[in-house]
Amino acid sequence: MLLAQGRYWKVSLPKGADRVDLGVLRDSLPEEYRDLRDFKISVPLDRWNRVVKQVMADRKLLGGILLDFAQTQEQLSAAVGNDRLFGELQRVIIDATAALVEKGALALTVVDVGVD
């Protein structure tokens, strides 16, 4: 099931799977990033919160978290290093999170941190 899509990225929740797949759209990549054609990140659904917590953080922080789930480190550094690809990655992660909540695959909870 497609959760979010941009010009360069798509995010999907495979039917019956407990993971979220982030992949690069092959045909829309700039020529210098054609080596990213088969790049994919598979994040277990129960670990998605780690990604969402850092989505608007520094690219090194988000990249470090995604490194645990990426197929190849070299391709991840190229994807996160490009401003256009990174900016859209942030946006599709946020959109995919909203879609996951709407579909009931992800639940929001209130956490009491003890601050009044």
PDB file of N, CA and C in Angstrom:
ATOM      1  N   MET A   1       0.842  -1.164   0.000  1.00  0.00           N
ATOM      2  CA  MET A   1       0.000   0.000   0.000  1.00  0.00           C
ATOM      3  C   MET A   1       0.895   1.239   0.000  1.00  0.00           C
ATOM      4  N   LEU A   2       0.667   2.110  -0.932  1.00  0.00           N
ATOM      5  CA  LEU A   2       1.429   3.337  -1.043  1.00  0.00           C
ATOM      6  C   LEU A   2       1.011   4.298   0.066  1.00  0.00           C
ATOM      7  N   LEU A   3       1.964   4.777   0.841  1.00  0.00           N
ATOM      8  CA  LEU A   3       1.684   5.715   1.927  1.00  0.00           C
ATOM      9  C   LEU A   3       1.962   7.156   1.527  1.00  0.00           C
ATOM     10  N   ALA A   4       3.044   7.368   0.809  1.00  0.00           N
ATOM     11  CA  ALA A   4       3.417   8.721   0.389  1.00  0.00           C
ATOM     12  C   ALA A   4       4.337   8.615  -0.820  1.00  0.00           C
ATOM     13  N   GLN A   5       4.284   9.645  -1.652  1.00  0.00           N
ATOM     14  CA  GLN A   5       5.154   9.669  -2.815  1.00  0.00           C
ATOM     15  C   GLN A   5       5.475  11.106  -3.168  1.00  0.00           C
ATOM     16  N   GLY A   6       6.708  11.312  -3.548  1.00  0.00           N
ATOM     17  CA  GLY A   6       7.156  12.608  -4.011  1.00  0.00           C
ATOM     18  C   GLY A   6       7.783  12.456  -5.382  1.00  0.00           C
ATOM     19  N   ARG A   7       8.569  13.406  -5.742  1.00  0.00           N
ATOM     20  CA  ARG A   7       9.239  13.351  -7.040  1.00  0.00           C
ATOM     21  C   ARG A   7      10.346  12.295  -7.053  1.00  0.00           C
ATOM     22  N   TYR A   8      11.050  12.155  -5.924  1.00  0.00           N
ATOM     23  CA  TYR A   8      12.191  11.246  -5.861  1.00  0.00           C
ATOM     24  C   TYR A   8      11.976  10.013  -4.984  1.00  0.00           C
ATOM     25  N   TRP A   9      11.055  10.069  -4.034  1.00  0.00           N
ATOM     26  CA  TRP A   9      10.868   9.000  -3.057  1.00  0.00           C
ATOM     27  C   TRP A   9       9.444   8.480  -3.058  1.00  0.00           C
ATOM     28  N   LYS A  10       9.317   7.211  -2.685  1.00  0.00           N
ATOM     29  CA  LYS A  10       8.004   6.649  -2.396  1.00  0.00           C
ATOM     30  C   LYS A  10       8.122   5.846  -1.105  1.00  0.00           C
ATOM     31  N   VAL A  11       7.036   5.834  -0.353  1.00  0.00           N
ATOM     32  CA  VAL A  11       7.001   5.103   0.912  1.00  0.00           C
ATOM     33  C   VAL A  11       5.794   4.186   0.859  1.00  0.00           C
ATOM     34  N   SER A  12       6.014   2.918   1.171  1.00  0.00           N
ATOM     35  CA  SER A  12       4.915   1.959   1.102  1.00  0.00           C
ATOM     36  C   SER A  12       4.927   1.033   2.310  1.00  0.00           C
ATOM     37  N   LEU A  13       3.764   0.463   2.554  1.00  0.00           N
ATOM     38  CA  LEU A  13       3.566  -0.543   3.589  1.00  0.00           C
ATOM     39  C   LEU A  13       3.123  -1.795   2.857  1.00  0.00           C
ATOM     40  N   PRO A  14       4.052  -2.744   2.655  1.00  0.00           N
ATOM     41  CA  PRO A  14       3.674  -3.958   1.920  1.00  0.00           C
ATOM     42  C   PRO A  14       2.548  -4.699   2.640  1.00  0.00           C
ATOM     43  N   LYS A  15       1.632  -5.236   1.865  1.00  0.00           N
ATOM     44  CA  LYS A  15       0.490  -5.947   2.427  1.00  0.00           C
ATOM     45  C   LYS A  15       0.962  -7.126   3.283  1.00  0.00           C
ATOM     46  N   GLY A  16       0.449  -7.173   4.504  1.00  0.00           N
ATOM     47  CA  GLY A  16       0.788  -8.251   5.422  1.00  0.00           C
ATOM     48  C   GLY A  16       2.169  -8.129   6.048  1.00  0.00           C
ATOM     49  N   ALA A  17       2.877  -7.062   5.765  1.00  0.00           N
ATOM     50  CA  ALA A  17       4.228  -6.890   6.300  1.00  0.00           C
ATOM     51  C   ALA A  17       4.207  -5.982   7.519  1.00  0.00           C
ATOM     52  N   ASP A  18       5.210  -6.113   8.331  1.00  0.00           N
ATOM     53  CA  ASP A  18       5.337  -5.262   9.503  1.00  0.00           C
ATOM     54  C   ASP A  18       6.515  -4.307   9.350  1.00  0.00           C
ATOM     55  N   ARG A  19       6.665  -3.808   8.121  1.00  0.00           N
ATOM     56  CA  ARG A  19       7.745  -2.872   7.832  1.00  0.00           C
ATOM     57  C   ARG A  19       7.251  -1.776   6.887  1.00  0.00           C
ATOM     58  N   VAL A  20       7.985  -0.678   6.886  1.00  0.00           N
ATOM     59  CA  VAL A  20       7.734   0.430   5.971  1.00  0.00           C
ATOM     60  C   VAL A  20       8.928   0.487   5.029  1.00  0.00           C
ATOM     61  N   ASP A  21       8.657   0.512   3.729  1.00  0.00           N
ATOM     62  CA  ASP A  21       9.718   0.563   2.727  1.00  0.00           C
ATOM     63  C   ASP A  21       9.811   1.951   2.123  1.00  0.00           C
ATOM     64  N   LEU A  22      10.999   2.518   2.161  1.00  0.00           N
ATOM     65  CA  LEU A  22      11.289   3.794   1.511  1.00  0.00           C
ATOM     66  C   LEU A  22      12.171   3.475   0.312  1.00  0.00           C
ATOM     67  N   GLY A  23      11.770   3.930  -0.847  1.00  0.00           N
ATOM     68  CA  GLY A  23      12.547   3.652  -2.050  1.00  0.00           C
ATOM     69  C   GLY A  23      12.652   4.876  -2.932  1.00  0.00           C
ATOM     70  N   VAL A  24      13.707   4.905  -3.710  1.00  0.00           N
ATOM     71  CA  VAL A  24      13.934   5.996  -4.648  1.00  0.00           C
ATOM     72  C   VAL A  24      13.200   5.679  -5.943  1.00  0.00           C
ATOM     73  N   LEU A  25      12.527   6.668  -6.492  1.00  0.00           N
ATOM     74  CA  LEU A  25      11.873   6.521  -7.792  1.00  0.00           C
ATOM     75  C   LEU A  25      12.942   6.645  -8.875  1.00  0.00           C
ATOM     76  N   ARG A  26      13.118   5.616  -9.621  1.00  0.00           N
ATOM     77  CA  ARG A  26      14.231   5.509 -10.564  1.00  0.00           C
ATOM     78  C   ARG A  26      14.238   6.563 -11.658  1.00  0.00           C
ATOM     79  N   ASP A  27      13.119   6.793 -12.267  1.00  0.00           N
ATOM     80  CA  ASP A  27      13.082   7.614 -13.478  1.00  0.00           C
ATOM     81  C   ASP A  27      13.245   9.108 -13.237  1.00  0.00           C
ATOM     82  N   SER A  28      13.036   9.568 -12.012  1.00  0.00           N
ATOM     83  CA  SER A  28      13.075  11.005 -11.774  1.00  0.00           C
ATOM     84  C   SER A  28      14.385  11.491 -11.158  1.00  0.00           C
ATOM     85  N   LEU A  29      15.322  10.590 -10.958  1.00  0.00           N
ATOM     86  CA  LEU A  29      16.596  10.984 -10.345  1.00  0.00           C
ATOM     87  C   LEU A  29      17.444  11.827 -11.294  1.00  0.00           C
ATOM     88  N   PRO A  30      18.130  12.826 -10.740  1.00  0.00           N
ATOM     89  CA  PRO A  30      19.102  13.546 -11.564  1.00  0.00           C
ATOM     90  C   PRO A  30      20.173  12.574 -12.061  1.00  0.00           C
ATOM     91  N   GLU A  31      20.746  12.863 -13.186  1.00  0.00           N
ATOM     92  CA  GLU A  31      21.714  11.964 -13.827  1.00  0.00           C
ATOM     93  C   GLU A  31      22.854  11.566 -12.891  1.00  0.00           C
ATOM     94  N   GLU A  32      23.342  12.504 -12.095  1.00  0.00           N
ATOM     95  CA  GLU A  32      24.488  12.197 -11.224  1.00  0.00           C
ATOM     96  C   GLU A  32      24.143  11.235 -10.080  1.00  0.00           C
ATOM     97  N   TYR A  33      22.862  10.959  -9.883  1.00  0.00           N
ATOM     98  CA  TYR A  33      22.448  10.036  -8.818  1.00  0.00           C
ATOM     99  C   TYR A  33      21.804   8.767  -9.367  1.00  0.00           C
ATOM    100  N   ARG A  34      22.117   8.402 -10.587  1.00  0.00           N
ATOM    101  CA  ARG A  34      21.553   7.189 -11.191  1.00  0.00           C
ATOM    102  C   ARG A  34      21.978   5.921 -10.452  1.00  0.00           C
ATOM    103  N   ASP A  35      23.083   5.985  -9.705  1.00  0.00           N
ATOM    104  CA  ASP A  35      23.523   4.813  -8.956  1.00  0.00           C
ATOM    105  C   ASP A  35      22.611   4.503  -7.767  1.00  0.00           C
ATOM    106  N   LEU A  36      21.674   5.388  -7.477  1.00  0.00           N
ATOM    107  CA  LEU A  36      20.712   5.163  -6.383  1.00  0.00           C
ATOM    108  C   LEU A  36      19.448   4.450  -6.858  1.00  0.00           C
ATOM    109  N   ARG A  37      19.404   4.010  -8.087  1.00  0.00           N
ATOM    110  CA  ARG A  37      18.184   3.438  -8.671  1.00  0.00           C
ATOM    111  C   ARG A  37      17.581   2.304  -7.851  1.00  0.00           C
ATOM    112  N   ASP A  38      18.377   1.469  -7.264  1.00  0.00           N
ATOM    113  CA  ASP A  38      17.863   0.324  -6.521  1.00  0.00           C
ATOM    114  C   ASP A  38      17.940   0.527  -5.013  1.00  0.00           C
ATOM    115  N   PHE A  39      18.119   1.749  -4.581  1.00  0.00           N
ATOM    116  CA  PHE A  39      18.268   2.030  -3.154  1.00  0.00           C
ATOM    117  C   PHE A  39      16.938   1.876  -2.422  1.00  0.00           C
ATOM    118  N   LYS A  40      16.997   1.194  -1.295  1.00  0.00           N
ATOM    119  CA  LYS A  40      15.794   0.937  -0.511  1.00  0.00           C
ATOM    120  C   LYS A  40      16.147   0.914   0.973  1.00  0.00           C
ATOM    121  N   ILE A  41      15.232   1.427   1.767  1.00  0.00           N
ATOM    122  CA  ILE A  41      15.355   1.397   3.221  1.00  0.00           C
ATOM    123  C   ILE A  41      14.108   0.692   3.737  1.00  0.00           C
ATOM    124  N   SER A  42      14.288  -0.349   4.533  1.00  0.00           N
ATOM    125  CA  SER A  42      13.155  -1.067   5.119  1.00  0.00           C
ATOM    126  C   SER A  42      13.205  -0.899   6.636  1.00  0.00           C
ATOM    127  N   VAL A  43      12.224  -0.180   7.161  1.00  0.00           N
ATOM    128  CA  VAL A  43      12.170   0.101   8.595  1.00  0.00           C
ATOM    129  C   VAL A  43      11.054  -0.733   9.218  1.00  0.00           C
ATOM    130  N   PRO A  44      11.382  -1.567  10.205  1.00  0.00           N
ATOM    131  CA  PRO A  44      10.314  -2.295  10.902  1.00  0.00           C
ATOM    132  C   PRO A  44       9.319  -1.305  11.504  1.00  0.00           C
ATOM    133  N   LEU A  45       8.054  -1.628  11.417  1.00  0.00           N
ATOM    134  CA  LEU A  45       7.020  -0.721  11.892  1.00  0.00           C
ATOM    135  C   LEU A  45       7.198  -0.370  13.373  1.00  0.00           C
ATOM    136  N   ASP A  46       7.662  -1.327  14.155  1.00  0.00           N
ATOM    137  CA  ASP A  46       7.848  -1.053  15.582  1.00  0.00           C
ATOM    138  C   ASP A  46       9.071  -0.173  15.855  1.00  0.00           C
ATOM    139  N   ARG A  47       9.861   0.143  14.826  1.00  0.00           N
ATOM    140  CA  ARG A  47      11.012   1.034  14.969  1.00  0.00           C
ATOM    141  C   ARG A  47      10.789   2.373  14.258  1.00  0.00           C
ATOM    142  N   TRP A  48       9.619   2.542  13.641  1.00  0.00           N
ATOM    143  CA  TRP A  48       9.320   3.756  12.872  1.00  0.00           C
ATOM    144  C   TRP A  48       9.410   5.011  13.741  1.00  0.00           C
ATOM    145  N   ASN A  49       9.079   4.875  15.025  1.00  0.00           N
ATOM    146  CA  ASN A  49       9.130   6.039  15.909  1.00  0.00           C
ATOM    147  C   ASN A  49      10.533   6.634  15.993  1.00  0.00           C
ATOM    148  N   ARG A  50      11.567   5.815  15.890  1.00  0.00           N
ATOM    149  CA  ARG A  50      12.942   6.326  15.897  1.00  0.00           C
ATOM    150  C   ARG A  50      13.180   7.263  14.713  1.00  0.00           C
ATOM    151  N   VAL A  51      12.622   6.900  13.580  1.00  0.00           N
ATOM    152  CA  VAL A  51      12.783   7.710  12.367  1.00  0.00           C
ATOM    153  C   VAL A  51      12.001   9.014  12.511  1.00  0.00           C
ATOM    154  N   VAL A  52      10.756   8.903  12.945  1.00  0.00           N
ATOM    155  CA  VAL A  52       9.885  10.076  13.037  1.00  0.00           C
ATOM    156  C   VAL A  52      10.416  11.090  14.051  1.00  0.00           C
ATOM    157  N   LYS A  53      10.958  10.624  15.147  1.00  0.00           N
ATOM    158  CA  LYS A  53      11.481  11.536  16.179  1.00  0.00           C
ATOM    159  C   LYS A  53      12.597  12.422  15.649  1.00  0.00           C
ATOM    160  N   GLN A  54      13.352  11.929  14.688  1.00  0.00           N
ATOM    161  CA  GLN A  54      14.503  12.679  14.190  1.00  0.00           C
ATOM    162  C   GLN A  54      14.325  13.211  12.774  1.00  0.00           C
ATOM    163  N   VAL A  55      13.125  13.118  12.231  1.00  0.00           N
ATOM    164  CA  VAL A  55      12.921  13.479  10.827  1.00  0.00           C
ATOM    165  C   VAL A  55      13.279  14.934  10.533  1.00  0.00           C
ATOM    166  N   MET A  56      13.053  15.828  11.454  1.00  0.00           N
ATOM    167  CA  MET A  56      13.370  17.232  11.206  1.00  0.00           C
ATOM    168  C   MET A  56      14.693  17.650  11.848  1.00  0.00           C
ATOM    169  N   ALA A  57      15.445  16.679  12.314  1.00  0.00           N
ATOM    170  CA  ALA A  57      16.735  16.964  12.930  1.00  0.00           C
ATOM    171  C   ALA A  57      17.810  17.110  11.855  1.00  0.00           C
ATOM    172  N   ASP A  58      18.977  17.233  12.302  1.00  0.00           N
ATOM    173  CA  ASP A  58      20.162  17.303  11.462  1.00  0.00           C
ATOM    174  C   ASP A  58      20.240  16.083  10.540  1.00  0.00           C
ATOM    175  N   ARG A  59      20.701  16.269   9.325  1.00  0.00           N
ATOM    176  CA  ARG A  59      20.756  15.168   8.357  1.00  0.00           C
ATOM    177  C   ARG A  59      21.662  14.035   8.822  1.00  0.00           C
ATOM    178  N   LYS A  60      22.702  14.342   9.599  1.00  0.00           N
ATOM    179  CA  LYS A  60      23.569  13.284  10.107  1.00  0.00           C
ATOM    180  C   LYS A  60      22.830  12.405  11.112  1.00  0.00           C
ATOM    181  N   LEU A  61      21.997  13.013  11.927  1.00  0.00           N
ATOM    182  CA  LEU A  61      21.234  12.254  12.921  1.00  0.00           C
ATOM    183  C   LEU A  61      20.212  11.346  12.249  1.00  0.00           C
ATOM    184  N   LEU A  62      19.436  11.891  11.335  1.00  0.00           N
ATOM    185  CA  LEU A  62      18.464  11.069  10.616  1.00  0.00           C
ATOM    186  C   LEU A  62      19.174  10.010   9.771  1.00  0.00           C
ATOM    187  N   GLY A  63      20.250  10.391   9.117  1.00  0.00           N
ATOM    188  CA  GLY A  63      21.015   9.438   8.330  1.00  0.00           C
ATOM    189  C   GLY A  63      21.574   8.310   9.181  1.00  0.00           C
ATOM    190  N   GLY A  64      22.025   8.636  10.381  1.00  0.00           N
ATOM    191  CA  GLY A  64      22.539   7.617  11.285  1.00  0.00           C
ATOM    192  C   GLY A  64      21.477   6.613  11.696  1.00  0.00           C
ATOM    193  N   ILE A  65      20.272   7.093  11.908  1.00  0.00           N
ATOM    194  CA  ILE A  65      19.174   6.190  12.261  1.00  0.00           C
ATOM    195  C   ILE A  65      18.808   5.318  11.062  1.00  0.00           C
ATOM    196  N   LEU A  66      18.710   5.929   9.893  1.00  0.00           N
ATOM    197  CA  LEU A  66      18.356   5.172   8.691  1.00  0.00           C
ATOM    198  C   LEU A  66      19.441   4.178   8.289  1.00  0.00           C
ATOM    199  N   LEU A  67      20.665   4.441   8.712  1.00  0.00           N
ATOM    200  CA  LEU A  67      21.777   3.552   8.401  1.00  0.00           C
ATOM    201  C   LEU A  67      21.525   2.131   8.903  1.00  0.00           C
ATOM    202  N   ASP A  68      20.834   2.011  10.030  1.00  0.00           N
ATOM    203  CA  ASP A  68      20.514   0.690  10.573  1.00  0.00           C
ATOM    204  C   ASP A  68      19.604  -0.109   9.657  1.00  0.00           C
ATOM    205  N   PHE A  69      18.845   0.571   8.806  1.00  0.00           N
ATOM    206  CA  PHE A  69      17.826  -0.090   7.995  1.00  0.00           C
ATOM    207  C   PHE A  69      18.109  -0.055   6.495  1.00  0.00           C
ATOM    208  N   ALA A  70      19.151   0.650   6.077  1.00  0.00           N
ATOM    209  CA  ALA A  70      19.468   0.805   4.653  1.00  0.00           C
ATOM    210  C   ALA A  70      20.199  -0.414   4.115  1.00  0.00           C
ATOM    211  N   GLN A  71      20.030  -0.637   2.820  1.00  0.00           N
ATOM    212  CA  GLN A  71      20.716  -1.749   2.168  1.00  0.00           C
ATOM    213  C   GLN A  71      22.221  -1.501   2.073  1.00  0.00           C
ATOM    214  N   THR A  72      22.594  -0.301   1.657  1.00  0.00           N
ATOM    215  CA  THR A  72      24.015   0.017   1.506  1.00  0.00           C
ATOM    216  C   THR A  72      24.323   1.388   2.088  1.00  0.00           C
ATOM    217  N   GLN A  73      25.429   1.469   2.798  1.00  0.00           N
ATOM    218  CA  GLN A  73      25.824   2.715   3.444  1.00  0.00           C
ATOM    219  C   GLN A  73      26.213   3.790   2.435  1.00  0.00           C
ATOM    220  N   GLU A  74      26.889   3.402   1.378  1.00  0.00           N
ATOM    221  CA  GLU A  74      27.346   4.377   0.387  1.00  0.00           C
ATOM    222  C   GLU A  74      26.171   5.087  -0.275  1.00  0.00           C
ATOM    223  N   GLN A  75      25.138   4.329  -0.598  1.00  0.00           N
ATOM    224  CA  GLN A  75      23.976   4.926  -1.245  1.00  0.00           C
ATOM    225  C   GLN A  75      23.222   5.835  -0.278  1.00  0.00           C
ATOM    226  N   LEU A  76      23.151   5.461   0.992  1.00  0.00           N
ATOM    227  CA  LEU A  76      22.473   6.302   1.968  1.00  0.00           C
ATOM    228  C   LEU A  76      23.175   7.642   2.112  1.00  0.00           C
ATOM    229  N   SER A  77      24.490   7.635   2.183  1.00  0.00           N
ATOM    230  CA  SER A  77      25.208   8.904   2.325  1.00  0.00           C
ATOM    231  C   SER A  77      25.007   9.798   1.108  1.00  0.00           C
ATOM    232  N   ALA A  78      24.911   9.215  -0.077  1.00  0.00           N
ATOM    233  CA  ALA A  78      24.647  10.011  -1.283  1.00  0.00           C
ATOM    234  C   ALA A  78      23.239  10.588  -1.249  1.00  0.00           C
ATOM    235  N   ALA A  79      22.259   9.803  -0.806  1.00  0.00           N
ATOM    236  CA  ALA A  79      20.869  10.266  -0.755  1.00  0.00           C
ATOM    237  C   ALA A  79      20.677  11.347   0.291  1.00  0.00           C
ATOM    238  N   VAL A  80      21.282  11.183   1.442  1.00  0.00           N
ATOM    239  CA  VAL A  80      21.129  12.155   2.527  1.00  0.00           C
ATOM    240  C   VAL A  80      21.981  13.394   2.264  1.00  0.00           C
ATOM    241  N   GLY A  81      23.049  13.241   1.501  1.00  0.00           N
ATOM    242  CA  GLY A  81      23.928  14.367   1.207  1.00  0.00           C
ATOM    243  C   GLY A  81      23.377  15.344   0.193  1.00  0.00           C
ATOM    244  N   ASN A  82      22.429  14.923  -0.619  1.00  0.00           N
ATOM    245  CA  ASN A  82      21.833  15.800  -1.630  1.00  0.00           C
ATOM    246  C   ASN A  82      20.674  16.569  -1.007  1.00  0.00           C
ATOM    247  N   ASP A  83      20.685  17.885  -1.098  1.00  0.00           N
ATOM    248  CA  ASP A  83      19.656  18.718  -0.460  1.00  0.00           C
ATOM    249  C   ASP A  83      18.249  18.410  -0.961  1.00  0.00           C
ATOM    250  N   ARG A  84      18.084  18.250  -2.266  1.00  0.00           N
ATOM    251  CA  ARG A  84      16.748  17.970  -2.816  1.00  0.00           C
ATOM    252  C   ARG A  84      16.231  16.615  -2.363  1.00  0.00           C
ATOM    253  N   LEU A  85      17.097  15.604  -2.426  1.00  0.00           N
ATOM    254  CA  LEU A  85      16.678  14.268  -2.008  1.00  0.00           C
ATOM    255  C   LEU A  85      16.384  14.222  -0.507  1.00  0.00           C
ATOM    256  N   PHE A  86      17.214  14.888   0.281  1.00  0.00           N
ATOM    257  CA  PHE A  86      17.016  14.874   1.728  1.00  0.00           C
ATOM    258  C   PHE A  86      15.745  15.628   2.137  1.00  0.00           C
ATOM    259  N   GLY A  87      15.530  16.789   1.541  1.00  0.00           N
ATOM    260  CA  GLY A  87      14.323  17.563   1.854  1.00  0.00           C
ATOM    261  C   GLY A  87      13.052  16.806   1.535  1.00  0.00           C
ATOM    262  N   GLU A  88      13.048  16.139   0.384  1.00  0.00           N
ATOM    263  CA  GLU A  88      11.862  15.364   0.039  1.00  0.00           C
ATOM    264  C   GLU A  88      11.732  14.121   0.909  1.00  0.00           C
ATOM    265  N   LEU A  89      12.839  13.523   1.291  1.00  0.00           N
ATOM    266  CA  LEU A  89      12.793  12.372   2.200  1.00  0.00           C
ATOM    267  C   LEU A  89      12.108  12.757   3.503  1.00  0.00           C
ATOM    268  N   GLN A  90      12.450  13.910   4.046  1.00  0.00           N
ATOM    269  CA  GLN A  90      11.804  14.383   5.268  1.00  0.00           C
ATOM    270  C   GLN A  90      10.292  14.520   5.066  1.00  0.00           C
ATOM    271  N   ARG A  91       9.903  15.114   3.958  1.00  0.00           N
ATOM    272  CA  ARG A  91       8.484  15.344   3.697  1.00  0.00           C
ATOM    273  C   ARG A  91       7.711  14.032   3.535  1.00  0.00           C
ATOM    274  N   VAL A  92       8.262  13.076   2.791  1.00  0.00           N
ATOM    275  CA  VAL A  92       7.521  11.828   2.589  1.00  0.00           C
ATOM    276  C   VAL A  92       7.463  10.999   3.867  1.00  0.00           C
ATOM    277  N   ILE A  93       8.459  11.124   4.731  1.00  0.00           N
ATOM    278  CA  ILE A  93       8.394  10.434   6.023  1.00  0.00           C
ATOM    279  C   ILE A  93       7.258  10.994   6.857  1.00  0.00           C
ATOM    280  N   ILE A  94       7.109  12.303   6.876  1.00  0.00           N
ATOM    281  CA  ILE A  94       6.018  12.935   7.627  1.00  0.00           C
ATOM    282  C   ILE A  94       4.667  12.542   7.029  1.00  0.00           C
ATOM    283  N   ASP A  95       4.545  12.598   5.710  1.00  0.00           N
ATOM    284  CA  ASP A  95       3.296  12.209   5.052  1.00  0.00           C
ATOM    285  C   ASP A  95       2.964  10.736   5.297  1.00  0.00           C
ATOM    286  N   ALA A  96       3.979   9.883   5.235  1.00  0.00           N
ATOM    287  CA  ALA A  96       3.760   8.449   5.468  1.00  0.00           C
ATOM    288  C   ALA A  96       3.327   8.193   6.903  1.00  0.00           C
ATOM    289  N   THR A  97       3.859   8.934   7.843  1.00  0.00           N
ATOM    290  CA  THR A  97       3.474   8.775   9.241  1.00  0.00           C
ATOM    291  C   THR A  97       2.004   9.127   9.422  1.00  0.00           C
ATOM    292  N   ALA A  98       1.576  10.213   8.811  1.00  0.00           N
ATOM    293  CA  ALA A  98       0.159  10.591   8.890  1.00  0.00           C
ATOM    294  C   ALA A  98      -0.720   9.508   8.272  1.00  0.00           C
ATOM    295  N   ALA A  99      -0.299   8.937   7.153  1.00  0.00           N
ATOM    296  CA  ALA A  99      -1.065   7.869   6.509  1.00  0.00           C
ATOM    297  C   ALA A  99      -1.105   6.615   7.376  1.00  0.00           C
ATOM    298  N   LEU A 100      -0.010   6.293   8.039  1.00  0.00           N
ATOM    299  CA  LEU A 100       0.019   5.139   8.943  1.00  0.00           C
ATOM    300  C   LEU A 100      -0.948   5.311  10.107  1.00  0.00           C
ATOM    301  N   VAL A 101      -1.010   6.519  10.635  1.00  0.00           N
ATOM    302  CA  VAL A 101      -1.945   6.805  11.734  1.00  0.00           C
ATOM    303  C   VAL A 101      -3.379   6.712  11.229  1.00  0.00           C
ATOM    304  N   GLU A 102      -3.663   7.284  10.071  1.00  0.00           N
ATOM    305  CA  GLU A 102      -5.014   7.239   9.506  1.00  0.00           C
ATOM    306  C   GLU A 102      -5.472   5.813   9.234  1.00  0.00           C
ATOM    307  N   LYS A 103      -4.565   4.962   8.819  1.00  0.00           N
ATOM    308  CA  LYS A 103      -4.910   3.577   8.490  1.00  0.00           C
ATOM    309  C   LYS A 103      -4.928   2.670   9.716  1.00  0.00           C
ATOM    310  N   GLY A 104      -4.537   3.205  10.861  1.00  0.00           N
ATOM    311  CA  GLY A 104      -4.549   2.428  12.095  1.00  0.00           C
ATOM    312  C   GLY A 104      -3.352   1.510  12.267  1.00  0.00           C
ATOM    313  N   ALA A 105      -2.346   1.644  11.418  1.00  0.00           N
ATOM    314  CA  ALA A 105      -1.154   0.813  11.534  1.00  0.00           C
ATOM    315  C   ALA A 105      -0.184   1.356  12.577  1.00  0.00           C
ATOM    316  N   LEU A 106      -0.381   2.611  12.940  1.00  0.00           N
ATOM    317  CA  LEU A 106       0.463   3.281  13.920  1.00  0.00           C
ATOM    318  C   LEU A 106      -0.434   4.075  14.842  1.00  0.00           C
ATOM    319  N   ALA A 107      -0.186   4.015  16.120  1.00  0.00           N
ATOM    320  CA  ALA A 107      -1.025   4.729  17.093  1.00  0.00           C
ATOM    321  C   ALA A 107      -0.220   5.814  17.786  1.00  0.00           C
ATOM    322  N   LEU A 108      -0.877   6.922  18.018  1.00  0.00           N
ATOM    323  CA  LEU A 108      -0.268   7.995  18.788  1.00  0.00           C
ATOM    324  C   LEU A 108      -0.669   7.815  20.251  1.00  0.00           C
ATOM    325  N   THR A 109       0.287   8.024  21.134  1.00  0.00           N
ATOM    326  CA  THR A 109      -0.015   7.928  22.553  1.00  0.00           C
ATOM    327  C   THR A 109       0.509   9.167  23.255  1.00  0.00           C
ATOM    328  N   VAL A 110      -0.108   9.499  24.342  1.00  0.00           N
ATOM    329  CA  VAL A 110       0.323  10.623  25.153  1.00  0.00           C
ATOM    330  C   VAL A 110       1.284  10.080  26.195  1.00  0.00           C
ATOM    331  N   VAL A 111       2.429  10.704  26.274  1.00  0.00           N
ATOM    332  CA  VAL A 111       3.436  10.289  27.242  1.00  0.00           C
ATOM    333  C   VAL A 111       3.555  11.365  28.301  1.00  0.00           C
ATOM    334  N   ASP A 112       3.414  10.970  29.540  1.00  0.00           N
ATOM    335  CA  ASP A 112       3.547  11.907  30.656  1.00  0.00           C
ATOM    336  C   ASP A 112       5.033  12.033  30.991  1.00  0.00           C
ATOM    337  N   VAL A 113       5.576  13.214  30.750  1.00  0.00           N
ATOM    338  CA  VAL A 113       6.989  13.438  31.031  1.00  0.00           C
ATOM    339  C   VAL A 113       7.211  14.140  32.364  1.00  0.00           C
ATOM    340  N   GLY A 114       6.150  14.368  33.103  1.00  0.00           N
ATOM    341  CA  GLY A 114       6.258  14.934  34.429  1.00  0.00           C
ATOM    342  C   GLY A 114       6.422  16.435  34.471  1.00  0.00           C
ATOM    343  N   VAL A 115       6.177  17.114  33.372  1.00  0.00           N
ATOM    344  CA  VAL A 115       6.299  18.577  33.323  1.00  0.00           C
ATOM    345  C   VAL A 115       4.896  19.175  33.451  1.00  0.00           C
ATOM    346  N   ASP A 116       4.760  20.128  34.345  1.00  0.00           N
ATOM    347  CA  ASP A 116       3.451  20.778  34.534  1.00  0.00           C
ATOM    348  C   ASP A 116       3.376  22.076  33.808  1.00  0.00           C
TER     349      ASP A 116
END
